[in-house]
């Protein structure tokens, strides 16, 4: 066998190896992307569970949250502190999701759901007060303000004749 034939066989084997490596890497990238998507989804759901514990985790917190949404001025100083801590947990979670969206990691379709729900939640007077007092989240607030309000859920909180009732 001559050296040209051996060189040609070597080039063919190299090309096959490169193609196999590219194929293998594409499979690995696809699996990694899927794994990252699952991790992001799990992180988002864990964050919402944490928010729910802070806002609605026990009867006292649920009462404070409900009253904050209906008649913020009815809260005493301690309840305002608890409410503020709770809404900060929600805002931190939203901010994390916003940054993931900006990085292109959180899909647009998911972000639309998140921002629609958040926009509706902060539409209450208590949420508006929190937004005004917490400029750390200013770019998140701007993103929320630029989005159309899409009715995502019905919170069912209304004030009637000075009392709290479900709508």
N, C-alpha and C. Protein backbone atom coordinates (compact mmCIF):
# COMPACT_ATOMS: atom_id res chain seq x y z
N UNK A 1 0.85 -1.16 0.00
CA UNK A 1 0.00 0.00 0.00
C UNK A 1 0.91 1.24 0.00
N UNK A 2 0.52 2.25 -0.75
CA UNK A 2 1.36 3.44 -0.82
C UNK A 2 0.91 4.49 0.20
N UNK A 3 1.75 5.46 0.38
CA UNK A 3 1.49 6.50 1.39
C UNK A 3 0.28 7.35 1.05
N UNK A 4 0.00 7.55 -0.21
CA UNK A 4 -1.18 8.34 -0.61
C UNK A 4 -2.47 7.64 -0.20
N UNK A 5 -2.53 6.36 -0.37
CA UNK A 5 -3.72 5.59 0.02
C UNK A 5 -3.90 5.62 1.53
N UNK A 6 -2.81 5.46 2.26
CA UNK A 6 -2.87 5.51 3.73
C UNK A 6 -3.32 6.90 4.16
N UNK A 7 -2.81 7.95 3.54
CA UNK A 7 -3.22 9.33 3.86
C UNK A 7 -4.70 9.55 3.58
N UNK A 8 -5.18 9.02 2.45
CA UNK A 8 -6.60 9.17 2.09
C UNK A 8 -7.49 8.46 3.10
N UNK A 9 -7.09 7.24 3.49
CA UNK A 9 -7.86 6.49 4.50
C UNK A 9 -7.86 7.27 5.82
N UNK A 10 -6.74 7.83 6.18
CA UNK A 10 -6.65 8.63 7.40
C UNK A 10 -7.56 9.84 7.35
N UNK A 11 -7.61 10.50 6.22
CA UNK A 11 -8.50 11.67 6.06
C UNK A 11 -9.97 11.26 6.16
N UNK A 12 -10.29 10.13 5.56
CA UNK A 12 -11.68 9.65 5.63
C UNK A 12 -12.05 9.31 7.07
N UNK A 13 -11.14 8.60 7.76
CA UNK A 13 -11.40 8.27 9.16
C UNK A 13 -11.51 9.54 10.01
N UNK A 14 -10.70 10.53 9.74
CA UNK A 14 -10.77 11.81 10.47
C UNK A 14 -12.11 12.50 10.22
N UNK A 15 -12.55 12.50 8.96
CA UNK A 15 -13.83 13.12 8.64
C UNK A 15 -14.98 12.41 9.34
N UNK A 16 -14.94 11.08 9.35
CA UNK A 16 -15.98 10.29 10.03
C UNK A 16 -15.96 10.59 11.53
N UNK A 17 -14.76 10.68 12.10
CA UNK A 17 -14.63 10.99 13.52
C UNK A 17 -15.19 12.37 13.83
N UNK A 18 -14.89 13.34 12.98
CA UNK A 18 -15.42 14.71 13.19
C UNK A 18 -16.94 14.70 13.10
N UNK A 19 -17.49 14.03 12.11
CA UNK A 19 -18.95 13.97 11.96
C UNK A 19 -19.58 13.28 13.16
N UNK A 20 -18.99 12.18 13.61
CA UNK A 20 -19.52 11.48 14.79
C UNK A 20 -19.44 12.36 16.03
N UNK A 21 -18.34 13.10 16.18
CA UNK A 21 -18.18 14.01 17.33
C UNK A 21 -19.23 15.12 17.30
N UNK A 22 -19.47 15.68 16.13
CA UNK A 22 -20.49 16.74 16.00
C UNK A 22 -21.87 16.18 16.32
N UNK A 23 -22.16 15.00 15.84
CA UNK A 23 -23.44 14.36 16.13
C UNK A 23 -23.59 14.13 17.63
N UNK A 24 -22.54 13.59 18.27
CA UNK A 24 -22.56 13.34 19.70
C UNK A 24 -22.75 14.65 20.48
N UNK A 25 -22.03 15.69 20.11
CA UNK A 25 -22.15 16.98 20.79
C UNK A 25 -23.55 17.57 20.62
N UNK A 26 -24.14 17.40 19.45
CA UNK A 26 -25.50 17.94 19.25
C UNK A 26 -26.49 17.23 20.17
N UNK A 27 -26.32 15.92 20.35
CA UNK A 27 -27.19 15.19 21.28
C UNK A 27 -26.97 15.69 22.71
N UNK A 28 -25.71 15.87 23.09
CA UNK A 28 -25.40 16.35 24.43
C UNK A 28 -25.96 17.75 24.68
N UNK A 29 -25.84 18.61 23.70
CA UNK A 29 -26.37 19.98 23.83
C UNK A 29 -27.89 19.94 23.98
N UNK A 30 -28.55 19.12 23.18
CA UNK A 30 -30.00 18.98 23.27
C UNK A 30 -30.42 18.49 24.65
N UNK A 31 -29.71 17.49 25.17
CA UNK A 31 -30.03 16.97 26.50
C UNK A 31 -29.75 18.00 27.58
N UNK A 32 -28.67 18.75 27.44
CA UNK A 32 -28.33 19.79 28.40
C UNK A 32 -29.38 20.90 28.39
N UNK A 33 -29.82 21.30 27.21
CA UNK A 33 -30.85 22.33 27.09
C UNK A 33 -32.14 21.86 27.75
N UNK A 34 -32.50 20.63 27.52
CA UNK A 34 -33.70 20.07 28.15
C UNK A 34 -33.55 20.06 29.67
N UNK A 35 -32.38 19.67 30.15
CA UNK A 35 -32.12 19.66 31.59
C UNK A 35 -32.21 21.05 32.19
N UNK A 36 -31.67 22.04 31.48
CA UNK A 36 -31.76 23.42 31.96
C UNK A 36 -33.20 23.91 31.98
N UNK A 37 -33.97 23.55 30.98
CA UNK A 37 -35.38 23.94 30.94
C UNK A 37 -36.14 23.35 32.12
N UNK A 38 -35.87 22.10 32.42
CA UNK A 38 -36.53 21.45 33.56
C UNK A 38 -36.11 22.14 34.86
N UNK A 39 -34.83 22.46 35.00
CA UNK A 39 -34.35 23.13 36.21
C UNK A 39 -34.98 24.51 36.36
N UNK A 40 -35.12 25.23 35.27
CA UNK A 40 -35.74 26.56 35.32
C UNK A 40 -37.20 26.43 35.74
N UNK A 41 -37.91 25.48 35.17
CA UNK A 41 -39.31 25.27 35.52
C UNK A 41 -39.44 24.90 37.00
N UNK A 42 -38.58 23.99 37.47
CA UNK A 42 -38.63 23.60 38.88
C UNK A 42 -38.31 24.78 39.78
N UNK A 43 -37.36 25.61 39.39
CA UNK A 43 -37.02 26.80 40.17
C UNK A 43 -38.20 27.77 40.22
N UNK A 44 -38.85 27.94 39.08
CA UNK A 44 -40.01 28.85 39.04
C UNK A 44 -41.13 28.33 39.94
N UNK A 45 -41.42 27.05 39.87
CA UNK A 45 -42.49 26.49 40.69
C UNK A 45 -42.13 26.54 42.18
N UNK A 46 -40.87 26.26 42.52
CA UNK A 46 -40.43 26.35 43.91
C UNK A 46 -40.56 27.78 44.42
N UNK A 47 -40.21 28.72 43.57
CA UNK A 47 -40.34 30.13 43.93
C UNK A 47 -41.79 30.51 44.21
N UNK A 48 -42.70 30.04 43.35
CA UNK A 48 -44.12 30.34 43.58
C UNK A 48 -44.62 29.67 44.85
N UNK A 49 -44.14 28.48 45.15
CA UNK A 49 -44.53 27.83 46.40
C UNK A 49 -44.06 28.63 47.60
N UNK A 50 -42.85 29.16 47.51
CA UNK A 50 -42.31 29.99 48.58
C UNK A 50 -43.15 31.26 48.74
N UNK A 51 -43.50 31.88 47.64
CA UNK A 51 -44.34 33.08 47.68
C UNK A 51 -45.68 32.75 48.34
N UNK A 52 -46.28 31.65 47.94
CA UNK A 52 -47.56 31.26 48.52
C UNK A 52 -47.46 31.04 50.03
N UNK A 53 -46.36 30.45 50.48
CA UNK A 53 -46.17 30.27 51.92
C UNK A 53 -46.10 31.62 52.63
N UNK A 54 -45.41 32.58 52.02
CA UNK A 54 -45.28 33.89 52.65
C UNK A 54 -46.60 34.66 52.63
N UNK A 55 -47.35 34.58 51.55
CA UNK A 55 -48.58 35.35 51.45
C UNK A 55 -49.77 34.67 52.11
N UNK A 56 -49.84 33.35 52.02
CA UNK A 56 -51.05 32.65 52.44
C UNK A 56 -50.76 31.49 53.40
N UNK A 57 -49.53 31.38 53.91
CA UNK A 57 -49.08 30.21 54.64
C UNK A 57 -49.83 29.85 55.90
N UNK A 58 -50.44 30.79 56.54
CA UNK A 58 -51.25 30.50 57.73
C UNK A 58 -52.40 31.51 57.77
N UNK A 59 -53.29 31.32 58.69
CA UNK A 59 -54.49 32.16 58.75
C UNK A 59 -54.15 33.64 58.96
N UNK A 60 -53.15 33.92 59.81
CA UNK A 60 -52.78 35.31 60.06
C UNK A 60 -52.23 35.97 58.79
N UNK A 61 -51.32 35.30 58.10
CA UNK A 61 -50.76 35.86 56.87
C UNK A 61 -51.84 36.01 55.79
N UNK A 62 -52.69 35.02 55.69
CA UNK A 62 -53.76 35.10 54.69
C UNK A 62 -54.67 36.29 54.98
N UNK A 63 -54.98 36.51 56.25
CA UNK A 63 -55.82 37.64 56.62
C UNK A 63 -55.13 38.96 56.31
N UNK A 64 -53.86 39.05 56.64
CA UNK A 64 -53.11 40.28 56.37
C UNK A 64 -53.03 40.53 54.86
N UNK A 65 -52.72 39.49 54.10
CA UNK A 65 -52.63 39.64 52.64
C UNK A 65 -53.96 40.09 52.07
N UNK A 66 -55.02 39.45 52.49
CA UNK A 66 -56.35 39.80 51.98
C UNK A 66 -56.70 41.25 52.32
N UNK A 67 -56.45 41.65 53.56
CA UNK A 67 -56.76 43.02 53.95
C UNK A 67 -55.85 44.02 53.24
N UNK A 68 -54.59 43.65 53.01
CA UNK A 68 -53.68 44.54 52.28
C UNK A 68 -54.19 44.78 50.87
N UNK A 69 -54.75 43.75 50.26
CA UNK A 69 -55.25 43.88 48.90
C UNK A 69 -56.55 44.67 48.82
N UNK A 70 -57.32 44.62 49.88
CA UNK A 70 -58.63 45.28 49.87
C UNK A 70 -58.58 46.68 50.49
N UNK A 71 -57.94 46.79 51.64
CA UNK A 71 -57.91 48.07 52.36
C UNK A 71 -56.58 48.19 53.10
N UNK A 72 -55.54 48.59 52.39
CA UNK A 72 -54.20 48.62 52.95
C UNK A 72 -54.12 49.46 54.22
N UNK A 73 -54.87 50.54 54.27
CA UNK A 73 -54.82 51.43 55.44
C UNK A 73 -55.36 50.79 56.70
N UNK A 74 -56.03 49.65 56.60
CA UNK A 74 -56.54 48.98 57.79
C UNK A 74 -55.44 48.19 58.52
N UNK A 75 -54.26 48.05 57.92
CA UNK A 75 -53.18 47.28 58.54
C UNK A 75 -52.47 48.10 59.61
N UNK A 76 -52.09 47.44 60.71
CA UNK A 76 -51.28 48.12 61.72
C UNK A 76 -49.81 48.02 61.31
N UNK A 77 -48.92 48.64 62.08
CA UNK A 77 -47.51 48.71 61.70
C UNK A 77 -46.88 47.32 61.57
N UNK A 78 -47.17 46.42 62.49
CA UNK A 78 -46.60 45.07 62.44
C UNK A 78 -47.11 44.31 61.21
N UNK A 79 -48.36 44.49 60.89
CA UNK A 79 -48.93 43.82 59.71
C UNK A 79 -48.32 44.37 58.42
N UNK A 80 -48.02 45.66 58.41
CA UNK A 80 -47.38 46.26 57.24
C UNK A 80 -45.99 45.67 57.04
N UNK A 81 -45.26 45.47 58.15
CA UNK A 81 -43.93 44.87 58.07
C UNK A 81 -44.05 43.46 57.49
N UNK A 82 -44.98 42.68 57.98
CA UNK A 82 -45.17 41.31 57.49
C UNK A 82 -45.60 41.31 56.02
N UNK A 83 -46.51 42.19 55.68
CA UNK A 83 -46.96 42.29 54.29
C UNK A 83 -45.80 42.67 53.37
N UNK A 84 -45.00 43.66 53.79
CA UNK A 84 -43.88 44.12 52.98
C UNK A 84 -42.88 42.99 52.76
N UNK A 85 -42.59 42.23 53.82
CA UNK A 85 -41.67 41.09 53.66
C UNK A 85 -42.25 40.07 52.69
N UNK A 86 -43.53 39.83 52.78
CA UNK A 86 -44.17 38.85 51.90
C UNK A 86 -44.15 39.30 50.44
N UNK A 87 -44.48 40.54 50.20
CA UNK A 87 -44.53 41.04 48.83
C UNK A 87 -43.11 41.18 48.26
N UNK A 88 -42.13 41.36 49.14
CA UNK A 88 -40.73 41.39 48.69
C UNK A 88 -40.30 40.00 48.20
N UNK A 89 -40.75 38.95 48.88
CA UNK A 89 -40.45 37.59 48.43
C UNK A 89 -41.02 37.40 47.02
N UNK A 90 -42.25 37.85 46.80
CA UNK A 90 -42.87 37.75 45.48
C UNK A 90 -42.08 38.56 44.45
N UNK A 91 -41.69 39.77 44.82
CA UNK A 91 -40.95 40.63 43.90
C UNK A 91 -39.58 40.04 43.57
N UNK A 92 -38.91 39.46 44.56
CA UNK A 92 -37.62 38.82 44.31
C UNK A 92 -37.78 37.67 43.31
N UNK A 93 -38.84 36.91 43.48
CA UNK A 93 -39.10 35.80 42.56
C UNK A 93 -39.37 36.32 41.14
N UNK A 94 -40.18 37.35 41.04
CA UNK A 94 -40.47 37.94 39.74
C UNK A 94 -39.19 38.48 39.09
N UNK A 95 -38.35 39.10 39.91
CA UNK A 95 -37.11 39.68 39.41
C UNK A 95 -36.19 38.59 38.86
N UNK A 96 -36.12 37.47 39.57
CA UNK A 96 -35.32 36.34 39.08
C UNK A 96 -35.85 35.87 37.73
N UNK A 97 -37.16 35.71 37.61
CA UNK A 97 -37.75 35.26 36.35
C UNK A 97 -37.55 36.30 35.25
N UNK A 98 -37.63 37.58 35.60
CA UNK A 98 -37.40 38.64 34.64
C UNK A 98 -35.98 38.58 34.08
N UNK A 99 -35.01 38.39 34.96
CA UNK A 99 -33.62 38.30 34.51
C UNK A 99 -33.42 37.05 33.63
N UNK A 100 -34.04 35.95 33.98
CA UNK A 100 -33.95 34.75 33.14
C UNK A 100 -34.58 35.00 31.77
N UNK A 101 -35.68 35.74 31.75
CA UNK A 101 -36.31 36.11 30.49
C UNK A 101 -35.37 36.98 29.66
N UNK A 102 -34.77 37.99 30.30
CA UNK A 102 -33.85 38.88 29.58
C UNK A 102 -32.66 38.13 29.00
N UNK A 103 -32.21 37.12 29.71
CA UNK A 103 -31.07 36.32 29.24
C UNK A 103 -31.46 35.33 28.14
N UNK A 104 -32.76 35.24 27.87
CA UNK A 104 -33.23 34.33 26.84
C UNK A 104 -33.40 32.91 27.33
N UNK A 105 -33.34 32.71 28.63
CA UNK A 105 -33.46 31.38 29.22
C UNK A 105 -34.93 31.03 29.46
N UNK A 106 -35.70 32.00 29.93
CA UNK A 106 -37.14 31.79 30.15
C UNK A 106 -37.86 32.16 28.86
N UNK A 107 -38.62 31.24 28.30
CA UNK A 107 -39.30 31.52 27.03
C UNK A 107 -40.30 32.67 27.13
N UNK A 108 -40.49 33.36 26.04
CA UNK A 108 -41.44 34.48 25.96
C UNK A 108 -42.83 34.06 26.41
N UNK A 109 -43.28 32.89 25.99
CA UNK A 109 -44.63 32.44 26.35
C UNK A 109 -44.79 32.31 27.87
N UNK A 110 -43.75 31.82 28.55
CA UNK A 110 -43.80 31.72 30.00
C UNK A 110 -43.74 33.10 30.64
N UNK A 111 -42.89 33.97 30.10
CA UNK A 111 -42.77 35.31 30.66
C UNK A 111 -44.09 36.07 30.54
N UNK A 112 -44.79 35.91 29.45
CA UNK A 112 -46.08 36.59 29.28
C UNK A 112 -47.04 36.17 30.40
N UNK A 113 -47.06 34.89 30.72
CA UNK A 113 -47.91 34.43 31.83
C UNK A 113 -47.48 35.04 33.16
N UNK A 114 -46.17 35.03 33.41
CA UNK A 114 -45.63 35.57 34.66
C UNK A 114 -45.95 37.06 34.78
N UNK A 115 -45.63 37.82 33.75
CA UNK A 115 -45.79 39.27 33.83
C UNK A 115 -47.27 39.66 33.87
N UNK A 116 -48.13 38.89 33.22
CA UNK A 116 -49.56 39.18 33.25
C UNK A 116 -50.11 39.00 34.66
N UNK A 117 -49.73 37.91 35.30
CA UNK A 117 -50.17 37.65 36.68
C UNK A 117 -49.61 38.72 37.62
N UNK A 118 -48.34 39.06 37.44
CA UNK A 118 -47.71 40.06 38.31
C UNK A 118 -48.35 41.43 38.12
N UNK A 119 -48.60 41.79 36.89
CA UNK A 119 -49.22 43.09 36.61
C UNK A 119 -50.57 43.18 37.30
N UNK A 120 -51.32 42.10 37.24
CA UNK A 120 -52.63 42.08 37.89
C UNK A 120 -52.48 42.14 39.41
N UNK A 121 -51.51 41.43 39.96
CA UNK A 121 -51.31 41.43 41.41
C UNK A 121 -50.89 42.81 41.92
N UNK A 122 -50.05 43.50 41.16
CA UNK A 122 -49.58 44.81 41.60
C UNK A 122 -50.55 45.92 41.22
N UNK A 123 -51.66 45.56 40.61
CA UNK A 123 -52.68 46.53 40.25
C UNK A 123 -53.44 47.01 41.49
N UNK A 124 -53.39 46.23 42.57
CA UNK A 124 -54.02 46.64 43.82
C UNK A 124 -53.25 47.79 44.44
N UNK A 125 -53.91 48.59 45.27
CA UNK A 125 -53.26 49.76 45.89
C UNK A 125 -52.01 49.36 46.67
N UNK A 126 -52.06 48.26 47.40
CA UNK A 126 -50.90 47.82 48.18
C UNK A 126 -49.72 47.52 47.27
N UNK A 127 -49.97 46.89 46.15
CA UNK A 127 -48.91 46.60 45.19
C UNK A 127 -48.33 47.87 44.59
N UNK A 128 -49.21 48.81 44.27
CA UNK A 128 -48.75 50.09 43.70
C UNK A 128 -47.88 50.84 44.71
N UNK A 129 -48.26 50.80 45.98
CA UNK A 129 -47.45 51.45 47.01
C UNK A 129 -46.08 50.79 47.12
N UNK A 130 -46.06 49.47 47.07
CA UNK A 130 -44.80 48.76 47.15
C UNK A 130 -43.91 49.12 45.97
N UNK A 131 -44.48 49.14 44.77
CA UNK A 131 -43.70 49.49 43.58
C UNK A 131 -43.08 50.88 43.74
N UNK A 132 -43.86 51.81 44.20
CA UNK A 132 -43.39 53.19 44.33
C UNK A 132 -42.25 53.30 45.35
N UNK A 133 -42.30 52.48 46.40
CA UNK A 133 -41.31 52.56 47.47
C UNK A 133 -40.08 51.70 47.23
N UNK A 134 -40.08 50.85 46.22
CA UNK A 134 -38.98 49.90 46.02
C UNK A 134 -38.40 50.05 44.62
N UNK A 135 -37.46 50.95 44.50
CA UNK A 135 -36.87 51.26 43.21
C UNK A 135 -35.82 50.25 42.77
N UNK A 136 -35.43 49.33 43.65
CA UNK A 136 -34.49 48.28 43.26
C UNK A 136 -35.03 47.51 42.05
N UNK A 137 -36.32 47.35 42.02
CA UNK A 137 -36.98 46.58 40.96
C UNK A 137 -37.44 47.46 39.79
N UNK A 138 -36.87 48.65 39.65
CA UNK A 138 -37.37 49.64 38.69
C UNK A 138 -37.48 49.09 37.27
N UNK A 139 -36.49 48.33 36.82
CA UNK A 139 -36.58 47.80 35.45
C UNK A 139 -37.68 46.74 35.33
N UNK A 140 -37.94 46.01 36.40
CA UNK A 140 -39.07 45.07 36.41
C UNK A 140 -40.39 45.84 36.34
N UNK A 141 -40.50 46.91 37.12
CA UNK A 141 -41.74 47.71 37.09
C UNK A 141 -41.95 48.29 35.69
N UNK A 142 -40.89 48.76 35.04
CA UNK A 142 -41.02 49.30 33.68
C UNK A 142 -41.50 48.23 32.72
N UNK A 143 -40.95 47.03 32.86
CA UNK A 143 -41.39 45.92 32.01
C UNK A 143 -42.87 45.61 32.24
N UNK A 144 -43.28 45.60 33.49
CA UNK A 144 -44.70 45.35 33.80
C UNK A 144 -45.59 46.44 33.22
N UNK A 145 -45.15 47.69 33.35
CA UNK A 145 -45.96 48.82 32.88
C UNK A 145 -46.09 48.83 31.35
N UNK A 146 -45.09 48.37 30.65
CA UNK A 146 -45.14 48.40 29.18
C UNK A 146 -46.00 47.27 28.60
N UNK A 147 -46.31 46.29 29.40
CA UNK A 147 -47.10 45.16 28.94
C UNK A 147 -48.59 45.45 29.05
N UNK A 148 -49.35 44.89 28.13
CA UNK A 148 -50.81 44.99 28.22
C UNK A 148 -51.28 44.12 29.38
N UNK A 149 -52.31 44.57 30.06
CA UNK A 149 -52.89 43.77 31.15
C UNK A 149 -53.74 42.67 30.53
N UNK A 150 -53.36 41.45 30.78
CA UNK A 150 -54.11 40.29 30.32
C UNK A 150 -54.73 39.67 31.56
N UNK A 151 -56.04 39.55 31.59
CA UNK A 151 -56.70 38.95 32.75
C UNK A 151 -56.28 37.50 32.84
N UNK A 152 -55.52 37.18 33.88
CA UNK A 152 -54.95 35.85 34.01
C UNK A 152 -55.72 35.02 35.04
N UNK A 153 -56.16 35.67 36.10
CA UNK A 153 -56.95 34.99 37.12
C UNK A 153 -57.82 36.03 37.82
N UNK A 154 -58.77 35.56 38.57
CA UNK A 154 -59.65 36.46 39.32
C UNK A 154 -59.33 36.31 40.80
N UNK A 155 -58.73 37.34 41.37
CA UNK A 155 -58.37 37.27 42.78
C UNK A 155 -59.61 37.27 43.67
N UNK A 156 -60.69 37.89 43.23
CA UNK A 156 -61.94 37.85 43.98
C UNK A 156 -61.96 38.68 45.24
N UNK A 157 -61.11 39.69 45.36
CA UNK A 157 -61.10 40.53 46.55
C UNK A 157 -61.76 41.86 46.22
N UNK A 158 -62.75 42.22 46.98
CA UNK A 158 -63.44 43.49 46.79
C UNK A 158 -63.82 44.06 48.15
N UNK A 159 -63.86 45.36 48.22
CA UNK A 159 -64.31 46.03 49.44
C UNK A 159 -65.74 46.47 49.23
N UNK A 160 -66.60 46.09 50.13
CA UNK A 160 -68.00 46.49 50.02
C UNK A 160 -68.48 47.03 51.36
N UNK A 161 -69.00 48.22 51.33
CA UNK A 161 -69.60 48.84 52.50
C UNK A 161 -68.71 48.73 53.75
N UNK A 162 -67.41 48.94 53.57
CA UNK A 162 -66.49 48.94 54.70
C UNK A 162 -66.13 47.57 55.22
N UNK A 163 -66.62 46.50 54.61
CA UNK A 163 -66.27 45.16 55.04
C UNK A 163 -65.56 44.42 53.93
N UNK A 164 -64.95 43.33 54.27
CA UNK A 164 -64.26 42.53 53.29
C UNK A 164 -65.17 41.40 52.86
N UNK A 165 -65.26 41.19 51.57
CA UNK A 165 -66.07 40.06 51.09
C UNK A 165 -65.49 39.55 49.79
N UNK A 166 -65.79 38.33 49.49
CA UNK A 166 -65.39 37.76 48.20
C UNK A 166 -66.35 38.24 47.14
N UNK A 167 -65.82 38.51 45.97
CA UNK A 167 -66.67 38.96 44.87
C UNK A 167 -67.44 37.79 44.30
